[in-house]
């Protein structure tokens, strides 16, 4: 199946640099899933 996650930033923000999604499962290290720069360049975990 599919899901769409959203992350909304609030608080009188002028600009945000890079953003990313991390995930952490019980007993596992937190890992970077995907990242995106302010210009739209992306990077993904191989998995």
ModelCIF file with pLDDT and N, C-alpha, C, O atoms, coordinates in Angstrom:
data_MODEL
#
_entry.id   MODEL 
#
_entity.id                         1 
_entity.type                       polymer 
_entity.pdbx_number_of_molecules   1 
#
_entity_poly.entity_id                      1 
_entity_poly.type                           'polypeptide(L)' 
_entity_poly.nstd_linkage                   no 
_entity_poly.nstd_monomer                   no 
_entity_poly.pdbx_seq_one_letter_code       
;(UNK)(UNK)(UNK)(UNK)(UNK)(UNK)(UNK)(UNK)(UNK)(UNK)(UNK)(UNK)(UNK)(UNK)(UNK)(UNK)
(UNK)(UNK)(UNK)(UNK)(UNK)(UNK)(UNK)(UNK)(UNK)(UNK)(UNK)(UNK)(UNK)(UNK)(UNK)(UNK)
(UNK)(UNK)(UNK)(UNK)(UNK)(UNK)(UNK)(UNK)(UNK)(UNK)(UNK)(UNK)(UNK)(UNK)(UNK)
;
_entity_poly.pdbx_seq_one_letter_code_can   XXXXXXXXXXXXXXXXXXXXXXXXXXXXXXXXXXXXXXXXXXXXXXX 
_entity_poly.pdbx_strand_id                 A 
#
loop_
_entity_poly_seq.entity_id 
_entity_poly_seq.num 
_entity_poly_seq.mon_id 
_entity_poly_seq.hetero 
1 1  UNK n 
1 2  UNK n 
1 3  UNK n 
1 4  UNK n 
1 5  UNK n 
1 6  UNK n 
1 7  UNK n 
1 8  UNK n 
1 9  UNK n 
1 10 UNK n 
1 11 UNK n 
1 12 UNK n 
1 13 UNK n 
1 14 UNK n 
1 15 UNK n 
1 16 UNK n 
1 17 UNK n 
1 18 UNK n 
1 19 UNK n 
1 20 UNK n 
1 21 UNK n 
1 22 UNK n 
1 23 UNK n 
1 24 UNK n 
1 25 UNK n 
1 26 UNK n 
1 27 UNK n 
1 28 UNK n 
1 29 UNK n 
1 30 UNK n 
1 31 UNK n 
1 32 UNK n 
1 33 UNK n 
1 34 UNK n 
1 35 UNK n 
1 36 UNK n 
1 37 UNK n 
1 38 UNK n 
1 39 UNK n 
1 40 UNK n 
1 41 UNK n 
1 42 UNK n 
1 43 UNK n 
1 44 UNK n 
1 45 UNK n 
1 46 UNK n 
1 47 UNK n 
#
_struct_asym.id          A 
_struct_asym.entity_id   1 
#
loop_
_ma_qa_metric.id 
_ma_qa_metric.mode 
_ma_qa_metric.name 
_ma_qa_metric.software_group_id 
_ma_qa_metric.type 
1 global pLDDT . pLDDT 
2 local  pLDDT . pLDDT 
#
_ma_qa_metric_global.metric_id      1 
_ma_qa_metric_global.metric_value   96.02 
_ma_qa_metric_global.model_id       1 
_ma_qa_metric_global.ordinal_id     1 
#
loop_
_ma_qa_metric_local.label_asym_id 
_ma_qa_metric_local.label_comp_id 
_ma_qa_metric_local.label_seq_id 
_ma_qa_metric_local.metric_id 
_ma_qa_metric_local.metric_value 
_ma_qa_metric_local.model_id 
_ma_qa_metric_local.ordinal_id 
A UNK 1  2 98.00 1 1  
A UNK 2  2 98.00 1 2  
A UNK 3  2 98.00 1 3  
A UNK 4  2 98.00 1 4  
A UNK 5  2 98.00 1 5  
A UNK 6  2 98.00 1 6  
A UNK 7  2 98.00 1 7  
A UNK 8  2 97.00 1 8  
A UNK 9  2 95.00 1 9  
A UNK 10 2 94.00 1 10 
A UNK 11 2 91.00 1 11 
A UNK 12 2 91.00 1 12 
A UNK 13 2 93.00 1 13 
A UNK 14 2 90.00 1 14 
A UNK 15 2 92.00 1 15 
A UNK 16 2 94.00 1 16 
A UNK 17 2 95.00 1 17 
A UNK 18 2 96.00 1 18 
A UNK 19 2 97.00 1 19 
A UNK 20 2 98.00 1 20 
A UNK 21 2 98.00 1 21 
A UNK 22 2 98.00 1 22 
A UNK 23 2 98.00 1 23 
A UNK 24 2 98.00 1 24 
A UNK 25 2 96.00 1 25 
A UNK 26 2 92.00 1 26 
A UNK 27 2 92.00 1 27 
A UNK 28 2 95.00 1 28 
A UNK 29 2 95.00 1 29 
A UNK 30 2 97.00 1 30 
A UNK 31 2 97.00 1 31 
A UNK 32 2 98.00 1 32 
A UNK 33 2 98.00 1 33 
A UNK 34 2 98.00 1 34 
A UNK 35 2 98.00 1 35 
A UNK 36 2 98.00 1 36 
A UNK 37 2 96.00 1 37 
A UNK 38 2 92.00 1 38 
A UNK 39 2 92.00 1 39 
A UNK 40 2 94.00 1 40 
A UNK 41 2 97.00 1 41 
A UNK 42 2 98.00 1 42 
A UNK 43 2 98.00 1 43 
A UNK 44 2 98.00 1 44 
A UNK 45 2 98.00 1 45 
A UNK 46 2 98.00 1 46 
A UNK 47 2 97.00 1 47 
#
loop_
_atom_site.group_PDB 
_atom_site.id 
_atom_site.type_symbol 
_atom_site.label_atom_id 
_atom_site.label_alt_id 
_atom_site.label_comp_id 
_atom_site.label_asym_id 
_atom_site.label_entity_id 
_atom_site.label_seq_id 
_atom_site.pdbx_PDB_ins_code 
_atom_site.Cartn_x 
_atom_site.Cartn_y 
_atom_site.Cartn_z 
_atom_site.occupancy 
_atom_site.B_iso_or_equiv 
_atom_site.pdbx_formal_charge 
_atom_site.auth_seq_id 
_atom_site.auth_comp_id 
_atom_site.auth_asym_id 
_atom_site.auth_atom_id 
_atom_site.pdbx_PDB_model_num 
ATOM 1   N N  . UNK A 1 1  ? 0.801  -1.204 0.000  1.00 98.00 ? 1  UNK A N  1 
ATOM 2   C CA . UNK A 1 1  ? 0.000  0.000  0.000  1.00 98.00 ? 1  UNK A CA 1 
ATOM 3   C C  . UNK A 1 1  ? 0.838  1.260  0.000  1.00 98.00 ? 1  UNK A C  1 
ATOM 4   O O  . UNK A 1 1  ? 2.064  1.215  -0.111 1.00 98.00 ? 1  UNK A O  1 
ATOM 5   N N  . UNK A 1 2  ? 0.150  2.395  0.128  1.00 98.00 ? 2  UNK A N  1 
ATOM 6   C CA . UNK A 1 2  ? 0.803  3.696  0.055  1.00 98.00 ? 2  UNK A CA 1 
ATOM 7   C C  . UNK A 1 2  ? 0.348  4.600  1.183  1.00 98.00 ? 2  UNK A C  1 
ATOM 8   O O  . UNK A 1 2  ? -0.764 4.469  1.697  1.00 98.00 ? 2  UNK A O  1 
ATOM 9   N N  . UNK A 1 3  ? 1.219  5.514  1.558  1.00 98.00 ? 3  UNK A N  1 
ATOM 10  C CA . UNK A 1 3  ? 0.916  6.579  2.499  1.00 98.00 ? 3  UNK A CA 1 
ATOM 11  C C  . UNK A 1 3  ? 1.627  7.837  2.040  1.00 98.00 ? 3  UNK A C  1 
ATOM 12  O O  . UNK A 1 3  ? 2.660  7.768  1.374  1.00 98.00 ? 3  UNK A O  1 
ATOM 13  N N  . UNK A 1 4  ? 1.078  8.975  2.395  1.00 98.00 ? 4  UNK A N  1 
ATOM 14  C CA . UNK A 1 4  ? 1.704  10.256 2.112  1.00 98.00 ? 4  UNK A CA 1 
ATOM 15  C C  . UNK A 1 4  ? 1.865  11.015 3.415  1.00 98.00 ? 4  UNK A C  1 
ATOM 16  O O  . UNK A 1 4  ? 0.878  11.394 4.046  1.00 98.00 ? 4  UNK A O  1 
ATOM 17  N N  . UNK A 1 5  ? 3.100  11.236 3.816  1.00 98.00 ? 5  UNK A N  1 
ATOM 18  C CA . UNK A 1 5  ? 3.401  11.972 5.026  1.00 98.00 ? 5  UNK A CA 1 
ATOM 19  C C  . UNK A 1 5  ? 3.592  13.445 4.713  1.00 98.00 ? 5  UNK A C  1 
ATOM 20  O O  . UNK A 1 5  ? 4.089  13.809 3.647  1.00 98.00 ? 5  UNK A O  1 
ATOM 21  N N  . UNK A 1 6  ? 3.193  14.283 5.652  1.00 98.00 ? 6  UNK A N  1 
ATOM 22  C CA . UNK A 1 6  ? 3.392  15.714 5.532  1.00 98.00 ? 6  UNK A CA 1 
ATOM 23  C C  . UNK A 1 6  ? 4.115  16.229 6.765  1.00 98.00 ? 6  UNK A C  1 
ATOM 24  O O  . UNK A 1 6  ? 3.952  15.695 7.862  1.00 98.00 ? 6  UNK A O  1 
ATOM 25  N N  . UNK A 1 7  ? 4.903  17.255 6.579  1.00 98.00 ? 7  UNK A N  1 
ATOM 26  C CA . UNK A 1 7  ? 5.580  17.940 7.672  1.00 98.00 ? 7  UNK A CA 1 
ATOM 27  C C  . UNK A 1 7  ? 5.375  19.426 7.473  1.00 98.00 ? 7  UNK A C  1 
ATOM 28  O O  . UNK A 1 7  ? 5.908  20.013 6.531  1.00 98.00 ? 7  UNK A O  1 
ATOM 29  N N  . UNK A 1 8  ? 4.614  20.025 8.346  1.00 97.00 ? 8  UNK A N  1 
ATOM 30  C CA . UNK A 1 8  ? 4.305  21.443 8.251  1.00 97.00 ? 8  UNK A CA 1 
ATOM 31  C C  . UNK A 1 8  ? 5.080  22.218 9.303  1.00 97.00 ? 8  UNK A C  1 
ATOM 32  O O  . UNK A 1 8  ? 5.012  21.904 10.492 1.00 97.00 ? 8  UNK A O  1 
ATOM 33  N N  . UNK A 1 9  ? 5.809  23.220 8.871  1.00 95.00 ? 9  UNK A N  1 
ATOM 34  C CA . UNK A 1 9  ? 6.562  24.083 9.768  1.00 95.00 ? 9  UNK A CA 1 
ATOM 35  C C  . UNK A 1 9  ? 5.788  25.369 10.002 1.00 95.00 ? 9  UNK A C  1 
ATOM 36  O O  . UNK A 1 9  ? 5.222  25.945 9.072  1.00 95.00 ? 9  UNK A O  1 
ATOM 37  N N  . UNK A 1 10 ? 5.767  25.809 11.237 1.00 94.00 ? 10 UNK A N  1 
ATOM 38  C CA . UNK A 1 10 ? 5.066  27.035 11.581 1.00 94.00 ? 10 UNK A CA 1 
ATOM 39  C C  . UNK A 1 10 ? 5.886  27.840 12.578 1.00 94.00 ? 10 UNK A C  1 
ATOM 40  O O  . UNK A 1 10 ? 6.752  27.300 13.266 1.00 94.00 ? 10 UNK A O  1 
ATOM 41  N N  . UNK A 1 11 ? 5.604  29.136 12.649 1.00 91.00 ? 11 UNK A N  1 
ATOM 42  C CA . UNK A 1 11 ? 6.279  29.972 13.629 1.00 91.00 ? 11 UNK A CA 1 
ATOM 43  C C  . UNK A 1 11 ? 7.051  31.147 13.060 1.00 91.00 ? 11 UNK A C  1 
ATOM 44  O O  . UNK A 1 11 ? 8.227  31.326 13.376 1.00 91.00 ? 11 UNK A O  1 
ATOM 45  N N  . UNK A 1 12 ? 6.417  31.937 12.239 1.00 91.00 ? 12 UNK A N  1 
ATOM 46  C CA . UNK A 1 12 ? 7.036  33.150 11.687 1.00 91.00 ? 12 UNK A CA 1 
ATOM 47  C C  . UNK A 1 12 ? 8.349  32.836 10.972 1.00 91.00 ? 12 UNK A C  1 
ATOM 48  O O  . UNK A 1 12 ? 9.386  33.430 11.266 1.00 91.00 ? 12 UNK A O  1 
ATOM 49  N N  . UNK A 1 13 ? 8.289  31.911 10.048 1.00 93.00 ? 13 UNK A N  1 
ATOM 50  C CA . UNK A 1 13 ? 9.462  31.435 9.320  1.00 93.00 ? 13 UNK A CA 1 
ATOM 51  C C  . UNK A 1 13 ? 9.693  32.265 8.066  1.00 93.00 ? 13 UNK A C  1 
ATOM 52  O O  . UNK A 1 13 ? 8.765  32.566 7.314  1.00 93.00 ? 13 UNK A O  1 
ATOM 53  N N  . UNK A 1 14 ? 10.948 32.622 7.864  1.00 90.00 ? 14 UNK A N  1 
ATOM 54  C CA . UNK A 1 14 ? 11.335 33.335 6.653  1.00 90.00 ? 14 UNK A CA 1 
ATOM 55  C C  . UNK A 1 14 ? 11.855 32.386 5.578  1.00 90.00 ? 14 UNK A C  1 
ATOM 56  O O  . UNK A 1 14 ? 11.536 32.532 4.398  1.00 90.00 ? 14 UNK A O  1 
ATOM 57  N N  . UNK A 1 15 ? 12.661 31.409 6.003  1.00 92.00 ? 15 UNK A N  1 
ATOM 58  C CA . UNK A 1 15 ? 13.316 30.515 5.053  1.00 92.00 ? 15 UNK A CA 1 
ATOM 59  C C  . UNK A 1 15 ? 13.745 29.240 5.769  1.00 92.00 ? 15 UNK A C  1 
ATOM 60  O O  . UNK A 1 15 ? 14.134 29.271 6.936  1.00 92.00 ? 15 UNK A O  1 
ATOM 61  N N  . UNK A 1 16 ? 13.669 28.116 5.052  1.00 94.00 ? 16 UNK A N  1 
ATOM 62  C CA . UNK A 1 16 ? 14.144 26.838 5.552  1.00 94.00 ? 16 UNK A CA 1 
ATOM 63  C C  . UNK A 1 16 ? 15.183 26.302 4.575  1.00 94.00 ? 16 UNK A C  1 
ATOM 64  O O  . UNK A 1 16 ? 14.993 26.356 3.360  1.00 94.00 ? 16 UNK A O  1 
ATOM 65  N N  . UNK A 1 17 ? 16.283 25.786 5.117  1.00 95.00 ? 17 UNK A N  1 
ATOM 66  C CA . UNK A 1 17 ? 17.309 25.194 4.285  1.00 95.00 ? 17 UNK A CA 1 
ATOM 67  C C  . UNK A 1 17 ? 16.925 23.798 3.851  1.00 95.00 ? 17 UNK A C  1 
ATOM 68  O O  . UNK A 1 17 ? 15.868 23.598 3.251  1.00 95.00 ? 17 UNK A O  1 
ATOM 69  N N  . UNK A 1 18 ? 17.781 22.824 4.151  1.00 96.00 ? 18 UNK A N  1 
ATOM 70  C CA . UNK A 1 18 ? 17.487 21.448 3.797  1.00 96.00 ? 18 UNK A CA 1 
ATOM 71  C C  . UNK A 1 18 ? 16.470 20.841 4.752  1.00 96.00 ? 18 UNK A C  1 
ATOM 72  O O  . UNK A 1 18 ? 16.400 21.223 5.921  1.00 96.00 ? 18 UNK A O  1 
ATOM 73  N N  . UNK A 1 19 ? 15.688 19.901 4.254  1.00 97.00 ? 19 UNK A N  1 
ATOM 74  C CA . UNK A 1 19 ? 14.738 19.167 5.070  1.00 97.00 ? 19 UNK A CA 1 
ATOM 75  C C  . UNK A 1 19 ? 14.902 17.685 4.778  1.00 97.00 ? 19 UNK A C  1 
ATOM 76  O O  . UNK A 1 19 ? 15.373 17.297 3.709  1.00 97.00 ? 19 UNK A O  1 
ATOM 77  N N  . UNK A 1 20 ? 14.508 16.866 5.740  1.00 98.00 ? 20 UNK A N  1 
ATOM 78  C CA . UNK A 1 20 ? 14.624 15.436 5.532  1.00 98.00 ? 20 UNK A CA 1 
ATOM 79  C C  . UNK A 1 20 ? 13.676 14.644 6.397  1.00 98.00 ? 20 UNK A C  1 
ATOM 80  O O  . UNK A 1 20 ? 13.165 15.125 7.409  1.00 98.00 ? 20 UNK A O  1 
ATOM 81  N N  . UNK A 1 21 ? 13.456 13.420 5.972  1.00 98.00 ? 21 UNK A N  1 
ATOM 82  C CA . UNK A 1 21 ? 12.680 12.460 6.742  1.00 98.00 ? 21 UNK A CA 1 
ATOM 83  C C  . UNK A 1 21 ? 13.611 11.399 7.299  1.00 98.00 ? 21 UNK A C  1 
ATOM 84  O O  . UNK A 1 21 ? 14.394 10.797 6.564  1.00 98.00 ? 21 UNK A O  1 
ATOM 85  N N  . UNK A 1 22 ? 13.522 11.176 8.588  1.00 98.00 ? 22 UNK A N  1 
ATOM 86  C CA . UNK A 1 22 ? 14.230 10.098 9.263  1.00 98.00 ? 22 UNK A CA 1 
ATOM 87  C C  . UNK A 1 22 ? 13.212 9.094  9.764  1.00 98.00 ? 22 UNK A C  1 
ATOM 88  O O  . UNK A 1 22 ? 12.029 9.411  9.895  1.00 98.00 ? 22 UNK A O  1 
ATOM 89  N N  . UNK A 1 23 ? 13.667 7.889  10.044 1.00 98.00 ? 23 UNK A N  1 
ATOM 90  C CA . UNK A 1 23 ? 12.795 6.911  10.675 1.00 98.00 ? 23 UNK A CA 1 
ATOM 91  C C  . UNK A 1 23 ? 13.570 6.123  11.712 1.00 98.00 ? 23 UNK A C  1 
ATOM 92  O O  . UNK A 1 23 ? 14.782 5.936  11.604 1.00 98.00 ? 23 UNK A O  1 
ATOM 93  N N  . UNK A 1 24 ? 12.846 5.670  12.713 1.00 98.00 ? 24 UNK A N  1 
ATOM 94  C CA . UNK A 1 24 ? 13.447 4.878  13.769 1.00 98.00 ? 24 UNK A CA 1 
ATOM 95  C C  . UNK A 1 24 ? 12.475 3.795  14.209 1.00 98.00 ? 24 UNK A C  1 
ATOM 96  O O  . UNK A 1 24 ? 11.353 4.076  14.631 1.00 98.00 ? 24 UNK A O  1 
ATOM 97  N N  . UNK A 1 25 ? 12.921 2.568  14.104 1.00 96.00 ? 25 UNK A N  1 
ATOM 98  C CA . UNK A 1 25 ? 12.159 1.420  14.566 1.00 96.00 ? 25 UNK A CA 1 
ATOM 99  C C  . UNK A 1 25 ? 12.721 0.965  15.905 1.00 96.00 ? 25 UNK A C  1 
ATOM 100 O O  . UNK A 1 25 ? 13.890 1.217  16.196 1.00 96.00 ? 25 UNK A O  1 
ATOM 101 N N  . UNK A 1 26 ? 11.912 0.299  16.725 1.00 92.00 ? 26 UNK A N  1 
ATOM 102 C CA . UNK A 1 26 ? 12.401 -0.182 18.023 1.00 92.00 ? 26 UNK A CA 1 
ATOM 103 C C  . UNK A 1 26 ? 13.650 -1.030 17.877 1.00 92.00 ? 26 UNK A C  1 
ATOM 104 O O  . UNK A 1 26 ? 13.697 -1.951 17.061 1.00 92.00 ? 26 UNK A O  1 
ATOM 105 N N  . UNK A 1 27 ? 14.667 -0.715 18.676 1.00 92.00 ? 27 UNK A N  1 
ATOM 106 C CA . UNK A 1 27 ? 15.898 -1.470 18.651 1.00 92.00 ? 27 UNK A CA 1 
ATOM 107 C C  . UNK A 1 27 ? 16.821 -1.171 17.495 1.00 92.00 ? 27 UNK A C  1 
ATOM 108 O O  . UNK A 1 27 ? 17.855 -1.823 17.348 1.00 92.00 ? 27 UNK A O  1 
ATOM 109 N N  . UNK A 1 28 ? 16.473 -0.205 16.674 1.00 95.00 ? 28 UNK A N  1 
ATOM 110 C CA . UNK A 1 28 ? 17.297 0.135  15.523 1.00 95.00 ? 28 UNK A CA 1 
ATOM 111 C C  . UNK A 1 28 ? 17.756 1.582  15.590 1.00 95.00 ? 28 UNK A C  1 
ATOM 112 O O  . UNK A 1 28 ? 17.157 2.409  16.277 1.00 95.00 ? 28 UNK A O  1 
ATOM 113 N N  . UNK A 1 29 ? 18.820 1.872  14.870 1.00 95.00 ? 29 UNK A N  1 
ATOM 114 C CA . UNK A 1 29 ? 19.334 3.227  14.795 1.00 95.00 ? 29 UNK A CA 1 
ATOM 115 C C  . UNK A 1 29 ? 18.414 4.102  13.942 1.00 95.00 ? 29 UNK A C  1 
ATOM 116 O O  . UNK A 1 29 ? 17.783 3.629  12.996 1.00 95.00 ? 29 UNK A O  1 
ATOM 117 N N  . UNK A 1 30 ? 18.354 5.365  14.291 1.00 97.00 ? 30 UNK A N  1 
ATOM 118 C CA . UNK A 1 30 ? 17.639 6.302  13.458 1.00 97.00 ? 30 UNK A CA 1 
ATOM 119 C C  . UNK A 1 30 ? 18.387 6.449  12.129 1.00 97.00 ? 30 UNK A C  1 
ATOM 120 O O  . UNK A 1 30 ? 19.609 6.596  12.111 1.00 97.00 ? 30 UNK A O  1 
ATOM 121 N N  . UNK A 1 31 ? 17.661 6.408  11.046 1.00 97.00 ? 31 UNK A N  1 
ATOM 122 C CA . UNK A 1 31 ? 18.276 6.491  9.741  1.00 97.00 ? 31 UNK A CA 1 
ATOM 123 C C  . UNK A 1 31 ? 17.614 7.554  8.881  1.00 97.00 ? 31 UNK A C  1 
ATOM 124 O O  . UNK A 1 31 ? 16.418 7.819  8.995  1.00 97.00 ? 31 UNK A O  1 
ATOM 125 N N  . UNK A 1 32 ? 18.410 8.146  8.031  1.00 98.00 ? 32 UNK A N  1 
ATOM 126 C CA . UNK A 1 32 ? 17.896 9.115  7.073  1.00 98.00 ? 32 UNK A CA 1 
ATOM 127 C C  . UNK A 1 32 ? 17.227 8.366  5.935  1.00 98.00 ? 32 UNK A C  1 
ATOM 128 O O  . UNK A 1 32 ? 17.840 7.517  5.289  1.00 98.00 ? 32 UNK A O  1 
ATOM 129 N N  . UNK A 1 33 ? 15.975 8.686  5.699  1.00 98.00 ? 33 UNK A N  1 
ATOM 130 C CA . UNK A 1 33 ? 15.211 8.053  4.634  1.00 98.00 ? 33 UNK A CA 1 
ATOM 131 C C  . UNK A 1 33 ? 15.341 8.836  3.340  1.00 98.00 ? 33 UNK A C  1 
ATOM 132 O O  . UNK A 1 33 ? 15.616 8.267  2.284  1.00 98.00 ? 33 UNK A O  1 
ATOM 133 N N  . UNK A 1 34 ? 15.145 10.128 3.425  1.00 98.00 ? 34 UNK A N  1 
ATOM 134 C CA . UNK A 1 34 ? 15.201 10.988 2.248  1.00 98.00 ? 34 UNK A CA 1 
ATOM 135 C C  . UNK A 1 34 ? 15.465 12.413 2.686  1.00 98.00 ? 34 UNK A C  1 
ATOM 136 O O  . UNK A 1 34 ? 15.067 12.819 3.778  1.00 98.00 ? 34 UNK A O  1 
ATOM 137 N N  . UNK A 1 35 ? 16.133 13.169 1.838  1.00 98.00 ? 35 UNK A N  1 
ATOM 138 C CA . UNK A 1 35 ? 16.429 14.562 2.129  1.00 98.00 ? 35 UNK A CA 1 
ATOM 139 C C  . UNK A 1 35 ? 16.217 15.398 0.884  1.00 98.00 ? 35 UNK A C  1 
ATOM 140 O O  . UNK A 1 35 ? 16.302 14.903 -0.240 1.00 98.00 ? 35 UNK A O  1 
ATOM 141 N N  . UNK A 1 36 ? 15.941 16.663 1.100  1.00 98.00 ? 36 UNK A N  1 
ATOM 142 C CA . UNK A 1 36 ? 15.717 17.583 -0.014 1.00 98.00 ? 36 UNK A CA 1 
ATOM 143 C C  . UNK A 1 36 ? 16.252 18.949 0.367  1.00 98.00 ? 36 UNK A C  1 
ATOM 144 O O  . UNK A 1 36 ? 15.996 19.441 1.466  1.00 98.00 ? 36 UNK A O  1 
ATOM 145 N N  . UNK A 1 37 ? 16.993 19.558 -0.537 1.00 96.00 ? 37 UNK A N  1 
ATOM 146 C CA . UNK A 1 37 ? 17.545 20.883 -0.295 1.00 96.00 ? 37 UNK A CA 1 
ATOM 147 C C  . UNK A 1 37 ? 16.500 21.946 -0.587 1.00 96.00 ? 37 UNK A C  1 
ATOM 148 O O  . UNK A 1 37 ? 15.428 21.658 -1.120 1.00 96.00 ? 37 UNK A O  1 
ATOM 149 N N  . UNK A 1 38 ? 16.830 23.172 -0.230 1.00 92.00 ? 38 UNK A N  1 
ATOM 150 C CA . UNK A 1 38 ? 15.915 24.270 -0.505 1.00 92.00 ? 38 UNK A CA 1 
ATOM 151 C C  . UNK A 1 38 ? 15.683 24.446 -1.998 1.00 92.00 ? 38 UNK A C  1 
ATOM 152 O O  . UNK A 1 38 ? 14.641 24.955 -2.411 1.00 92.00 ? 38 UNK A O  1 
ATOM 153 N N  . UNK A 1 39 ? 16.650 24.026 -2.809 1.00 92.00 ? 39 UNK A N  1 
ATOM 154 C CA . UNK A 1 39 ? 16.524 24.119 -4.250 1.00 92.00 ? 39 UNK A CA 1 
ATOM 155 C C  . UNK A 1 39 ? 15.859 22.931 -4.907 1.00 92.00 ? 39 UNK A C  1 
ATOM 156 O O  . UNK A 1 39 ? 15.614 22.947 -6.114 1.00 92.00 ? 39 UNK A O  1 
ATOM 157 N N  . UNK A 1 40 ? 15.560 21.890 -4.125 1.00 94.00 ? 40 UNK A N  1 
ATOM 158 C CA . UNK A 1 40 ? 14.841 20.750 -4.657 1.00 94.00 ? 40 UNK A CA 1 
ATOM 159 C C  . UNK A 1 40 ? 15.672 19.529 -4.988 1.00 94.00 ? 40 UNK A C  1 
ATOM 160 O O  . UNK A 1 40 ? 15.128 18.541 -5.484 1.00 94.00 ? 40 UNK A O  1 
ATOM 161 N N  . UNK A 1 41 ? 16.980 19.559 -4.730 1.00 97.00 ? 41 UNK A N  1 
ATOM 162 C CA . UNK A 1 41 ? 17.799 18.372 -4.939 1.00 97.00 ? 41 UNK A CA 1 
ATOM 163 C C  . UNK A 1 41 ? 17.463 17.330 -3.889 1.00 97.00 ? 41 UNK A C  1 
ATOM 164 O O  . UNK A 1 41 ? 17.259 17.667 -2.722 1.00 97.00 ? 41 UNK A O  1 
ATOM 165 N N  . UNK A 1 42 ? 17.405 16.064 -4.292 1.00 98.00 ? 42 UNK A N  1 
ATOM 166 C CA . UNK A 1 42 ? 16.963 15.001 -3.391 1.00 98.00 ? 42 UNK A CA 1 
ATOM 167 C C  . UNK A 1 42 ? 18.009 13.919 -3.231 1.00 98.00 ? 42 UNK A C  1 
ATOM 168 O O  . UNK A 1 42 ? 18.893 13.748 -4.070 1.00 98.00 ? 42 UNK A O  1 
ATOM 169 N N  . UNK A 1 43 ? 17.886 13.192 -2.130 1.00 98.00 ? 43 UNK A N  1 
ATOM 170 C CA . UNK A 1 43 ? 18.741 12.060 -1.833 1.00 98.00 ? 43 UNK A CA 1 
ATOM 171 C C  . UNK A 1 43 ? 17.911 11.039 -1.071 1.00 98.00 ? 43 UNK A C  1 
ATOM 172 O O  . UNK A 1 43 ? 17.108 11.404 -0.212 1.00 98.00 ? 43 UNK A O  1 
ATOM 173 N N  . UNK A 1 44 ? 18.103 9.747  -1.385 1.00 98.00 ? 44 UNK A N  1 
ATOM 174 C CA . UNK A 1 44 ? 17.313 8.689  -0.779 1.00 98.00 ? 44 UNK A CA 1 
ATOM 175 C C  . UNK A 1 44 ? 18.198 7.581  -0.246 1.00 98.00 ? 44 UNK A C  1 
ATOM 176 O O  . UNK A 1 44 ? 19.264 7.295  -0.791 1.00 98.00 ? 44 UNK A O  1 
ATOM 177 N N  . UNK A 1 45 ? 17.738 6.964  0.828  1.00 98.00 ? 45 UNK A N  1 
ATOM 178 C CA . UNK A 1 45 ? 18.368 5.741  1.278  1.00 98.00 ? 45 UNK A CA 1 
ATOM 179 C C  . UNK A 1 45 ? 18.150 4.654  0.235  1.00 98.00 ? 45 UNK A C  1 
ATOM 180 O O  . UNK A 1 45 ? 17.109 4.614  -0.421 1.00 98.00 ? 45 UNK A O  1 
ATOM 181 N N  . UNK A 1 46 ? 19.135 3.775  0.084  1.00 98.00 ? 46 UNK A N  1 
ATOM 182 C CA . UNK A 1 46 ? 19.020 2.716  -0.918 1.00 98.00 ? 46 UNK A CA 1 
ATOM 183 C C  . UNK A 1 46 ? 17.767 1.869  -0.714 1.00 98.00 ? 46 UNK A C  1 
ATOM 184 O O  . UNK A 1 46 ? 17.173 1.395  -1.683 1.00 98.00 ? 46 UNK A O  1 
ATOM 185 N N  . UNK A 1 47 ? 17.370 1.679  0.524  1.00 97.00 ? 47 UNK A N  1 
ATOM 186 C CA . UNK A 1 47 ? 16.244 0.813  0.826  1.00 97.00 ? 47 UNK A CA 1 
ATOM 187 C C  . UNK A 1 47 ? 14.903 1.351  0.339  1.00 97.00 ? 47 UNK A C  1 
ATOM 188 O O  . UNK A 1 47 ? 13.872 0.707  0.535  1.00 97.00 ? 47 UNK A O  1 
#
